[in-house]
Amino acid sequence: MADTISPLSILSLLVFALGYLAIIFEHRIKVNKATSALLMAVVLWAIQFIDPVFAKVASFELNEHLADVSQVILFLLGALTIVEIIHVHGGLEVVARFIRVHSKRAALVVVGLIAFFLSSILDNLTTTIVMVMMLKKIISNNEDRLFFGGTVVIAANAGGAWTPIGDVTTTMLWVGGQLSTAAMMESLFLPSLACLGGALLCLLPLLKGPLERASESQLGKPQPQGKAVLVCGVLALVFVPIFKAITGLPPYMGILFSMSGLWLLTDLLHHAYEERDHLRVTAILPRVDLTTLLFFLGILLAVDALDTAGILRTFAYHLDKAIHSKEWVAIVIGLISAVVDNVPLVAASMGMYSTATYPIDSPFWMLIAYCAGTGGSILIIGSAAGVAFMGLEKVNFFWYVKRVGLAAFVGYFAGIGVYALQQLMV
């Protein structure tokens, strides 16, 4: 591993920094974050092709990364479409009418716990999409809704960290043989719950008074077959990990299967009624937020370009040399995941540390899973859940830092503390 960084790597880091700043200051410069992300990704990959010797390798790497990124984009497309189908049929309004908590603090705890456990069954991305869309129907005050959405990001990331299907990184460690299902759930449940609890203790004092709920008229009129579509839509989302377990196919195939099944159902329910054309998927698809999809595409390709350039692995190597405690290596990786996507960071750690040195279910891999899964909550751009929240609610980067970031930071270390206590008791 080289001790010096090449000029092209320095140029890549500069481009990434500029693109990242453009995303952060989206509202100041009036340039959509998807535009900045896509431009950053293309320029970063163009830099990889400058060297003719490395161009062939870069071309192969680009195709490999694009295959992985496409899976995420297809999964997101399917999840967004299912949620939008439920939304158009009034399913989220049905749920909103059943949630009768009137205190802001009580509502925040309820929403956080729902997101936490839902994320462990589905995944943090899908959970965030569903919960944010539901909050739009329940809470009328924009500031309160954003506050609750930030809590959902923390809860969804924490909930996804203790199961093999709750987060991409835990799935990677599970499939790679670093962690087993039972040990992961047993070791990381309490730390993940402590992460949410620590964050809530910071957030609850900031809220007071009754929750300004949307009125019945604001919730909209029930649509034909709305309850049936809600039930089937939720079952379709829950079926995705079951489909993966049964067939062995990747999650994006499961979400596409569920989406097409719900599409078939709605066509059968509505095809005989001309006045219900707006409830058919062909009319719903244009409502899906393509900006969020393109933002994801740009961000993931940009980080993959840094990975291809060897920048992330070089950083991991120097981090390992500078920090001799493997526990602190995992903690720092989690903090870095607030800035850089956690997937390549975990991939780099899997490549650097063998299972011969750190066998399956070792404390090191457990900490990597927890830290990489929850550290991204500290900044809104640090996780798929945060990026989805940012896209769906057009959240300002600095708003999240001021209102939610510190609570996520406290929750992150609260979980680490609980994990340390568990290790002492073994």
Protein backbone atom coordinates (compact mmCIF):
# COMPACT_ATOMS: atom_id res chain seq x y z
CA MET A 1 0.00 0.00 0.00
CA ALA A 2 1.52 3.28 -1.09
CA ASP A 3 2.18 5.96 1.50
CA THR A 4 1.62 8.78 -1.00
CA ILE A 5 -1.53 9.77 -2.83
CA SER A 6 -1.34 10.15 -6.61
CA PRO A 7 -2.25 13.45 -8.32
CA LEU A 8 -5.36 11.81 -9.84
CA SER A 9 -6.47 10.70 -6.39
CA ILE A 10 -6.00 14.23 -5.06
CA LEU A 11 -8.06 15.51 -8.01
CA SER A 12 -10.77 12.94 -7.22
CA LEU A 13 -10.90 14.03 -3.59
CA LEU A 14 -11.18 17.67 -4.66
CA VAL A 15 -14.05 16.91 -7.04
CA PHE A 16 -15.81 14.86 -4.34
CA ALA A 17 -15.38 17.69 -1.82
CA LEU A 18 -16.79 20.27 -4.26
CA GLY A 19 -19.72 18.03 -5.16
CA TYR A 20 -20.42 17.32 -1.51
CA LEU A 21 -20.41 21.04 -0.73
CA ALA A 22 -22.80 21.67 -3.62
CA ILE A 23 -25.20 19.11 -2.15
CA ILE A 24 -24.91 20.65 1.32
CA PHE A 25 -25.55 24.19 0.04
CA GLU A 26 -28.31 23.15 -2.37
CA HIS A 27 -30.70 25.82 -1.12
CA ARG A 28 -28.05 28.53 -1.25
CA ILE A 29 -26.77 27.91 -4.78
CA LYS A 30 -30.24 26.94 -6.12
CA VAL A 31 -28.90 23.81 -7.83
CA ASN A 32 -30.79 20.57 -7.22
CA LYS A 33 -28.76 18.03 -5.27
CA ALA A 34 -29.45 15.34 -7.88
CA THR A 35 -27.74 17.52 -10.49
CA SER A 36 -24.68 17.97 -8.28
CA ALA A 37 -24.52 14.26 -7.44
CA LEU A 38 -24.75 13.15 -11.06
CA LEU A 39 -22.16 15.67 -12.28
CA MET A 40 -19.82 14.66 -9.45
CA ALA A 41 -20.21 10.96 -10.30
CA VAL A 42 -19.52 11.40 -14.03
CA VAL A 43 -16.47 13.62 -13.45
CA LEU A 44 -15.04 11.22 -10.85
CA TRP A 45 -15.37 8.30 -13.24
CA ALA A 46 -13.91 10.36 -16.09
CA ILE A 47 -10.82 10.92 -13.93
CA GLN A 48 -10.43 7.14 -13.60
CA PHE A 49 -10.26 6.86 -17.40
CA ILE A 50 -7.55 9.51 -17.85
CA ASP A 51 -4.75 6.99 -17.42
CA PRO A 52 -4.82 4.72 -20.54
CA VAL A 53 -3.17 1.87 -18.60
CA PHE A 54 -5.85 1.95 -15.89
CA ALA A 55 -8.75 2.64 -18.30
CA LYS A 56 -9.48 -1.04 -18.99
CA VAL A 57 -9.52 -1.84 -15.29
CA ALA A 58 -11.71 1.21 -14.63
CA SER A 59 -14.12 0.12 -17.36
CA PHE A 60 -14.48 -3.30 -15.75
CA GLU A 61 -14.89 -1.74 -12.30
CA LEU A 62 -17.52 0.69 -13.60
CA ASN A 63 -19.60 -2.17 -15.00
CA GLU A 64 -19.26 -4.10 -11.73
CA HIS A 65 -20.26 -1.11 -9.60
CA LEU A 66 -23.10 -0.18 -11.94
CA ALA A 67 -24.54 -3.67 -11.51
CA ASP A 68 -24.52 -3.21 -7.72
CA VAL A 69 -25.87 0.35 -7.87
CA SER A 70 -28.62 -0.68 -10.28
CA GLN A 71 -29.85 -3.18 -7.71
CA VAL A 72 -30.23 -0.38 -5.17
CA ILE A 73 -31.97 1.89 -7.69
CA LEU A 74 -34.36 -0.87 -8.80
CA PHE A 75 -35.11 -1.70 -5.18
CA LEU A 76 -35.81 1.96 -4.45
CA LEU A 77 -38.00 2.26 -7.55
CA GLY A 78 -40.07 -0.72 -6.47
CA ALA A 79 -40.38 0.49 -2.87
CA LEU A 80 -41.34 4.03 -3.93
CA THR A 81 -43.92 2.67 -6.36
CA ILE A 82 -45.54 0.40 -3.75
CA VAL A 83 -45.70 3.24 -1.23
CA GLU A 84 -47.15 5.57 -3.87
CA ILE A 85 -49.81 2.99 -4.78
CA ILE A 86 -50.79 2.75 -1.11
CA HIS A 87 -50.71 6.55 -0.86
CA VAL A 88 -52.96 7.16 -3.89
CA HIS A 89 -55.47 4.61 -2.58
CA GLY A 90 -55.64 6.47 0.73
CA GLY A 91 -53.92 3.72 2.69
CA LEU A 92 -51.69 6.10 4.63
CA GLU A 93 -54.78 8.08 5.66
CA VAL A 94 -56.28 4.85 7.00
CA VAL A 95 -53.21 4.32 9.19
CA ALA A 96 -53.17 7.99 10.21
CA ARG A 97 -56.73 7.75 11.53
CA PHE A 98 -55.75 4.83 13.79
CA ILE A 99 -52.84 6.68 15.42
CA ARG A 100 -54.57 8.62 18.19
CA VAL A 101 -51.59 9.91 20.22
CA HIS A 102 -51.99 13.66 20.80
CA SER A 103 -48.86 14.56 22.79
CA LYS A 104 -45.80 15.41 20.68
CA ARG A 105 -43.48 13.53 23.02
CA ALA A 106 -45.62 10.41 23.15
CA ALA A 107 -46.05 10.52 19.38
CA LEU A 108 -42.28 10.79 18.87
CA VAL A 109 -41.67 7.67 21.00
CA VAL A 110 -44.39 5.74 19.16
CA VAL A 111 -43.09 6.75 15.73
CA GLY A 112 -39.51 5.92 16.73
CA LEU A 113 -40.41 2.45 18.01
CA ILE A 114 -42.54 1.66 14.94
CA ALA A 115 -39.67 2.65 12.63
CA PHE A 116 -37.16 0.70 14.74
CA PHE A 117 -39.00 -2.62 14.60
CA LEU A 118 -40.32 -2.16 11.06
CA SER A 119 -36.77 -1.57 9.82
CA SER A 120 -35.58 -4.85 11.30
CA ILE A 121 -38.21 -6.72 9.27
CA LEU A 122 -37.97 -4.72 6.04
CA ASP A 123 -34.89 -2.50 5.79
CA ASN A 124 -33.98 1.04 6.80
CA LEU A 125 -34.61 2.53 3.34
CA THR A 126 -38.10 1.11 2.78
CA THR A 127 -39.08 1.88 6.37
CA THR A 128 -38.05 5.51 6.02
CA ILE A 129 -39.99 5.92 2.80
CA VAL A 130 -43.15 4.41 4.33
CA MET A 131 -42.89 6.36 7.59
CA VAL A 132 -42.11 9.73 6.00
CA MET A 133 -45.01 9.38 3.59
CA MET A 134 -47.28 8.49 6.53
CA LEU A 135 -46.07 11.46 8.58
CA LYS A 136 -47.05 13.75 5.74
CA LYS A 137 -50.61 12.59 6.28
CA ILE A 138 -50.61 12.74 10.07
CA ILE A 139 -48.73 15.95 10.96
CA SER A 140 -49.79 19.29 9.52
CA ASN A 141 -46.99 21.45 10.98
CA ASN A 142 -44.00 21.34 8.64
CA GLU A 143 -41.32 21.88 11.33
CA ASP A 144 -42.77 19.14 13.55
CA ARG A 145 -43.01 16.77 10.59
CA LEU A 146 -39.34 17.29 9.70
CA PHE A 147 -38.38 16.72 13.34
CA PHE A 148 -40.29 13.44 13.38
CA GLY A 149 -38.75 12.49 10.03
CA GLY A 150 -35.26 12.99 11.44
CA THR A 151 -36.17 10.67 14.31
CA VAL A 152 -37.37 8.09 11.78
CA VAL A 153 -33.93 8.16 10.12
CA ILE A 154 -32.19 7.44 13.44
CA ALA A 155 -34.73 4.74 14.37
CA ALA A 156 -34.65 3.06 10.96
CA ASN A 157 -30.85 2.91 10.90
CA ALA A 158 -30.73 1.60 14.48
CA GLY A 159 -33.43 -0.97 13.75
CA GLY A 160 -31.64 -2.16 10.63
CA ALA A 161 -28.33 -2.72 12.44
CA TRP A 162 -29.33 -5.78 14.48
CA THR A 163 -30.74 -8.09 11.78
CA PRO A 164 -29.11 -9.50 8.63
CA ILE A 165 -31.84 -8.09 6.39
CA GLY A 166 -32.22 -4.65 8.00
CA ASP A 167 -29.28 -2.96 6.28
CA VAL A 168 -27.11 -3.56 3.21
CA THR A 169 -23.98 -3.71 5.38
CA THR A 170 -25.38 -6.28 7.81
CA THR A 171 -26.43 -8.36 4.79
CA MET A 172 -22.88 -8.08 3.42
CA LEU A 173 -21.36 -9.27 6.70
CA TRP A 174 -23.94 -12.05 6.97
CA VAL A 175 -23.40 -13.33 3.41
CA GLY A 176 -19.61 -12.88 3.75
CA GLY A 177 -19.49 -15.21 6.75
CA GLN A 178 -18.44 -12.60 9.32
CA LEU A 179 -21.69 -12.77 11.29
CA SER A 180 -24.43 -15.32 11.92
CA THR A 181 -28.11 -14.45 12.30
CA ALA A 182 -28.75 -15.56 15.89
CA ALA A 183 -25.53 -14.10 17.32
CA MET A 184 -26.04 -10.78 15.51
CA MET A 185 -29.57 -10.35 16.80
CA GLU A 186 -28.62 -11.38 20.33
CA SER A 187 -25.55 -9.13 20.55
CA LEU A 188 -26.79 -6.03 18.73
CA PHE A 189 -30.45 -5.71 19.74
CA LEU A 190 -29.82 -3.88 23.02
CA PRO A 191 -27.08 -1.60 21.63
CA SER A 192 -29.34 -0.68 18.70
CA LEU A 193 -32.27 -0.01 21.04
CA ALA A 194 -29.94 2.07 23.24
CA CYS A 195 -28.97 4.07 20.15
CA LEU A 196 -32.61 5.00 19.60
CA GLY A 197 -33.16 5.56 23.34
CA GLY A 198 -30.16 7.88 23.67
CA ALA A 199 -31.32 9.91 20.69
CA LEU A 200 -34.88 10.17 22.03
CA LEU A 201 -33.62 11.41 25.40
CA CYS A 202 -31.97 14.29 23.54
CA LEU A 203 -34.93 14.99 21.24
CA LEU A 204 -37.87 14.72 23.64
CA PRO A 205 -37.00 17.84 25.73
CA LEU A 206 -37.14 19.88 22.50
CA LEU A 207 -40.82 19.05 22.07
CA LYS A 208 -43.74 20.20 24.15
CA GLY A 209 -47.48 20.56 23.85
CA PRO A 210 -50.08 18.76 21.75
CA LEU A 211 -49.38 17.44 18.28
CA GLU A 212 -50.96 19.46 15.46
CA ARG A 213 -52.60 16.65 13.56
CA ALA A 214 -54.01 16.94 10.08
CA SER A 215 -57.77 17.37 10.06
CA GLU A 216 -60.09 14.73 8.68
CA SER A 217 -60.67 16.91 5.61
CA GLN A 218 -56.90 17.22 5.06
CA LEU A 219 -56.49 13.47 5.21
CA GLY A 220 -58.62 13.11 2.11
CA LYS A 221 -61.51 10.87 1.15
CA PRO A 222 -61.19 7.08 1.30
CA GLN A 223 -60.64 5.55 -2.13
CA PRO A 224 -62.33 2.41 -3.49
CA GLN A 225 -60.57 -0.73 -2.20
CA GLY A 226 -58.20 1.50 -0.17
CA LYS A 227 -58.03 -0.81 2.85
CA ALA A 228 -57.47 -3.88 0.69
CA VAL A 229 -54.61 -2.19 -1.17
CA LEU A 230 -53.09 -1.03 2.15
CA VAL A 231 -53.08 -4.57 3.56
CA CYS A 232 -51.75 -6.08 0.35
CA GLY A 233 -49.14 -3.32 0.00
CA VAL A 234 -47.79 -3.88 3.51
CA LEU A 235 -47.76 -7.65 2.94
CA ALA A 236 -45.93 -7.06 -0.34
CA LEU A 237 -43.19 -5.13 1.47
CA VAL A 238 -42.94 -7.70 4.27
CA PHE A 239 -42.75 -10.49 1.67
CA VAL A 240 -39.50 -9.12 0.17
CA PRO A 241 -37.12 -10.70 2.75
CA ILE A 242 -39.25 -13.88 2.73
CA PHE A 243 -38.91 -14.05 -1.05
CA LYS A 244 -35.13 -13.71 -0.72
CA ALA A 245 -35.00 -16.49 1.88
CA ILE A 246 -37.13 -18.83 -0.26
CA THR A 247 -35.57 -18.22 -3.69
CA GLY A 248 -32.09 -16.92 -2.90
CA LEU A 249 -32.67 -14.08 -5.36
CA PRO A 250 -31.42 -10.60 -4.39
CA PRO A 251 -33.80 -8.14 -2.65
CA TYR A 252 -34.44 -6.04 -5.77
CA MET A 253 -36.02 -9.08 -7.44
CA GLY A 254 -38.27 -9.50 -4.43
CA ILE A 255 -39.40 -5.87 -4.48
CA LEU A 256 -40.05 -6.05 -8.24
CA PHE A 257 -42.06 -9.22 -7.70
CA SER A 258 -44.09 -7.54 -4.95
CA MET A 259 -44.59 -4.39 -7.04
CA SER A 260 -45.78 -6.35 -10.07
CA GLY A 261 -48.11 -8.39 -7.88
CA LEU A 262 -49.67 -5.22 -6.45
CA TRP A 263 -49.85 -3.80 -9.98
CA LEU A 264 -51.76 -6.90 -11.12
CA LEU A 265 -54.11 -6.64 -8.15
CA THR A 266 -54.97 -2.98 -8.77
CA ASP A 267 -55.55 -3.65 -12.47
CA LEU A 268 -57.98 -6.43 -11.59
CA LEU A 269 -59.73 -4.24 -9.02
CA HIS A 270 -60.13 -1.16 -11.22
CA HIS A 271 -60.07 -2.15 -14.90
CA ALA A 272 -63.86 -2.33 -15.15
CA TYR A 273 -64.36 1.21 -13.79
CA GLU A 274 -63.40 4.09 -16.07
CA GLU A 275 -63.66 6.62 -13.23
CA ARG A 276 -60.90 4.73 -11.36
CA ASP A 277 -58.20 5.17 -13.99
CA HIS A 278 -56.27 7.44 -11.59
CA LEU A 279 -55.92 4.45 -9.23
CA ARG A 280 -54.14 2.28 -11.78
CA VAL A 281 -50.36 1.99 -11.72
CA THR A 282 -49.95 3.47 -15.19
CA ALA A 283 -51.36 6.73 -13.78
CA ILE A 284 -49.43 6.42 -10.50
CA LEU A 285 -45.94 5.85 -11.95
CA PRO A 286 -45.45 9.49 -13.07
CA ARG A 287 -45.92 10.53 -9.43
CA VAL A 288 -42.87 8.53 -8.25
CA ASP A 289 -40.04 10.86 -7.20
CA LEU A 290 -37.38 10.34 -9.89
CA THR A 291 -35.22 13.10 -8.37
CA THR A 292 -34.54 10.92 -5.34
CA LEU A 293 -33.64 7.99 -7.59
CA LEU A 294 -31.18 10.09 -9.61
CA PHE A 295 -29.66 11.51 -6.44
CA PHE A 296 -29.05 8.00 -5.16
CA LEU A 297 -27.55 7.01 -8.50
CA GLY A 298 -25.12 9.92 -8.42
CA ILE A 299 -24.08 9.48 -4.78
CA LEU A 300 -23.48 5.74 -5.04
CA LEU A 301 -21.54 6.00 -8.32
CA ALA A 302 -19.42 8.82 -6.91
CA VAL A 303 -18.44 6.79 -3.84
CA ASP A 304 -17.77 3.76 -6.04
CA ALA A 305 -15.37 5.90 -8.10
CA LEU A 306 -13.42 6.69 -4.94
CA ASP A 307 -13.41 2.99 -4.13
CA THR A 308 -12.11 2.11 -7.61
CA ALA A 309 -9.35 4.71 -7.27
CA GLY A 310 -8.24 2.89 -4.11
CA ILE A 311 -8.79 5.97 -1.97
CA LEU A 312 -11.08 4.25 0.54
CA ARG A 313 -8.80 1.25 0.97
CA THR A 314 -5.77 3.52 1.32
CA PHE A 315 -7.60 5.46 3.97
CA ALA A 316 -8.59 2.25 5.78
CA TYR A 317 -4.95 1.08 5.67
CA HIS A 318 -3.62 4.30 7.21
CA LEU A 319 -6.46 4.28 9.73
CA ASP A 320 -5.41 0.81 10.82
CA LYS A 321 -1.80 1.95 11.19
CA ALA A 322 -2.76 5.06 13.18
CA ILE A 323 -5.27 3.36 15.49
CA HIS A 324 -4.04 0.17 17.10
CA SER A 325 -7.32 -0.63 18.83
CA LYS A 326 -9.63 -2.53 16.49
CA GLU A 327 -12.62 -1.38 18.54
CA TRP A 328 -11.73 2.25 17.83
CA VAL A 329 -11.18 1.39 14.17
CA ALA A 330 -14.80 0.21 14.04
CA ILE A 331 -16.00 3.33 15.91
CA VAL A 332 -14.13 5.66 13.54
CA ILE A 333 -15.46 3.77 10.51
CA GLY A 334 -18.95 4.43 11.86
CA LEU A 335 -18.22 8.15 12.22
CA ILE A 336 -16.78 8.29 8.69
CA SER A 337 -19.95 6.63 7.39
CA ALA A 338 -21.75 9.86 8.30
CA VAL A 339 -19.89 11.40 5.34
CA VAL A 340 -19.12 8.47 3.02
CA ASP A 341 -21.53 5.65 2.19
CA ASN A 342 -21.11 2.77 4.63
CA VAL A 343 -21.18 0.03 1.97
CA PRO A 344 -17.67 0.60 0.51
CA LEU A 345 -16.32 1.24 4.02
CA VAL A 346 -17.58 -2.14 5.23
CA ALA A 347 -16.38 -3.75 2.00
CA ALA A 348 -12.93 -2.27 2.66
CA SER A 349 -12.90 -3.60 6.23
CA MET A 350 -13.95 -7.06 5.00
CA GLY A 351 -11.02 -7.01 2.60
CA MET A 352 -8.49 -5.84 5.19
CA TYR A 353 -9.42 -8.10 8.10
CA SER A 354 -9.70 -11.84 7.47
CA THR A 355 -12.00 -14.27 9.26
CA ALA A 356 -8.87 -16.20 10.18
CA THR A 357 -7.79 -13.31 12.40
CA TYR A 358 -11.29 -12.25 13.40
CA PRO A 359 -13.55 -15.32 13.22
CA ILE A 360 -17.29 -15.33 12.71
CA ASP A 361 -19.28 -13.41 15.36
CA SER A 362 -16.15 -11.85 16.88
CA PRO A 363 -16.69 -8.55 18.76
CA PHE A 364 -14.86 -6.70 15.98
CA TRP A 365 -17.38 -7.69 13.32
CA MET A 366 -20.26 -6.99 15.68
CA LEU A 367 -18.97 -3.46 16.24
CA ILE A 368 -18.44 -2.95 12.51
CA ALA A 369 -22.07 -3.93 11.89
CA TYR A 370 -23.41 -1.65 14.62
CA CYS A 371 -21.17 1.35 13.91
CA ALA A 372 -21.52 1.28 10.12
CA GLY A 373 -25.28 0.88 10.45
CA THR A 374 -25.92 3.68 12.95
CA GLY A 375 -23.08 6.16 12.37
CA GLY A 376 -24.66 7.34 9.12
CA SER A 377 -27.51 8.93 11.08
CA ILE A 378 -25.22 11.71 12.34
CA LEU A 379 -25.44 13.51 8.97
CA ILE A 380 -28.45 13.35 6.67
CA ILE A 381 -26.31 12.33 3.72
CA GLY A 382 -24.64 9.49 5.62
CA SER A 383 -27.23 6.77 5.04
CA ALA A 384 -29.76 5.58 2.50
CA ALA A 385 -32.51 6.41 5.00
CA GLY A 386 -31.21 9.97 5.39
CA VAL A 387 -30.89 10.49 1.66
CA ALA A 388 -34.46 9.24 1.13
CA PHE A 389 -35.72 11.60 3.86
CA MET A 390 -33.76 14.47 2.29
CA GLY A 391 -35.30 13.76 -1.11
CA LEU A 392 -38.89 13.21 0.03
CA GLU A 393 -39.08 16.23 2.34
CA LYS A 394 -36.48 18.51 0.64
CA VAL A 395 -34.65 18.78 3.98
CA ASN A 396 -31.84 21.32 4.38
CA PHE A 397 -28.49 19.76 5.32
CA PHE A 398 -27.79 22.27 8.09
CA TRP A 399 -31.31 21.97 9.50
CA TYR A 400 -30.63 18.30 10.13
CA VAL A 401 -27.22 19.04 11.67
CA LYS A 402 -28.71 21.57 14.10
CA ARG A 403 -31.87 19.71 15.07
CA VAL A 404 -31.04 16.00 14.79
CA GLY A 405 -27.29 15.46 14.34
CA LEU A 406 -26.29 15.82 18.01
CA ALA A 407 -29.01 13.42 19.15
CA ALA A 408 -27.83 10.86 16.58
CA PHE A 409 -24.25 11.33 17.83
CA VAL A 410 -25.30 10.74 21.46
CA GLY A 411 -27.36 7.72 20.47
CA TYR A 412 -24.42 6.30 18.51
CA PHE A 413 -22.14 6.32 21.55
CA ALA A 414 -24.95 5.18 23.87
CA GLY A 415 -25.20 1.99 21.83
CA ILE A 416 -21.43 1.53 21.90
CA GLY A 417 -21.53 1.91 25.69
CA VAL A 418 -24.21 -0.75 26.03
CA TYR A 419 -22.25 -3.09 23.76
CA ALA A 420 -19.12 -2.55 25.90
CA LEU A 421 -21.12 -3.40 29.04
CA GLN A 422 -22.39 -6.56 27.39
CA GLN A 423 -18.82 -7.61 26.62
CA LEU A 424 -17.77 -7.03 30.22
CA MET A 425 -20.59 -9.26 31.44
CA VAL A 426 -19.66 -12.17 29.16
